[in-house]
Amino acid sequence: MILRIIILFTLGWQSIFAGAQTYEKFTVSPDIEVIKLSDNAYIHVSELEMGNWGRVSSNGLIVVNQGKAFLLDTPANNEQTETLVNWMTDSLHLQLVGFIPNHWHDDCLGGLDYLQQKGVKSYANQMTIKIAKEKGLPVPEVGFRDSLSLQLGNLTLECAYLGGGHSSDNIIVWIPQEKILFAGCMLKDTTWTILGNLSDAVIEEWPETIDKVLDRYSTAEIVIPGHGQFGGMEIVRHMKELLKKNL
């Protein structure tokens, strides 16, 4: 079911009603907003002109525990990433200690150069590291092949590579204590009727990758795609049907 979102403006912040749940929404800059999912998780949403695609909104996740944070995907450039990190420091009083990109595209990895200047440790699929090196991009520090489990206090971030999809290297990150699945651009929200940018897609693997997501993360309560509205497992089921219709 498509989420119905009502936005109310008051006192410099907004409340989002997603189904029966209410979420606070903060304006960081004209191009960046942050949605509070819980005390431990915030979605960051940034907008940027992206060539033929026009002005594109991209999602990432901030995972928080005991004054420290992991960033899942950056905004698409260093300037927006700096703005977001400064807001995290000044408004949430967080120390950013780790970064995980979903894949190698700018809307995931575009702010890594800034993060490296700040000494933030980065973790990525080994395939992402290989592609970054080949393309002369900033290179994440620590690689993994199939899975990697990271701790942020008593929160676990489970990174897994399940196969190709939107790109050859796209991963998911599962936070079991929060029942949050950050799946990035391998998923499209329920308003999408096309598959989006297929320039680096692995079409032949994508349906099987989605089946693995459905099988392994059926208990997810919040599912976050790379672009558009977050929701529940209906987003994964929608993606399965979208692939059937378009492949």
Foldseek 3Di string as FASTA:
>chain_A
DAWDWDWDDDDQWIWICTPPDIWIKHDLDPFWIWIDPDPFKIKIWGWDQDPPVGIFIWIWMWGDDPQEIETFFAALAQVRRVSVVVCCCPPVVHHYAEYEFQAQHSRGCHNVVNVVVVVHAYEYAVVRQVVCVVVVHDGHDHHDHAWDWDDDDPWIWIKGDQAFALAGGGIWIATVVQLEIERELLWDALVDLASPDNPHGDLVCSLVSLVVCCVPSVSRQWYHYGGDDIGGCVRSVSSNVSSVVHD
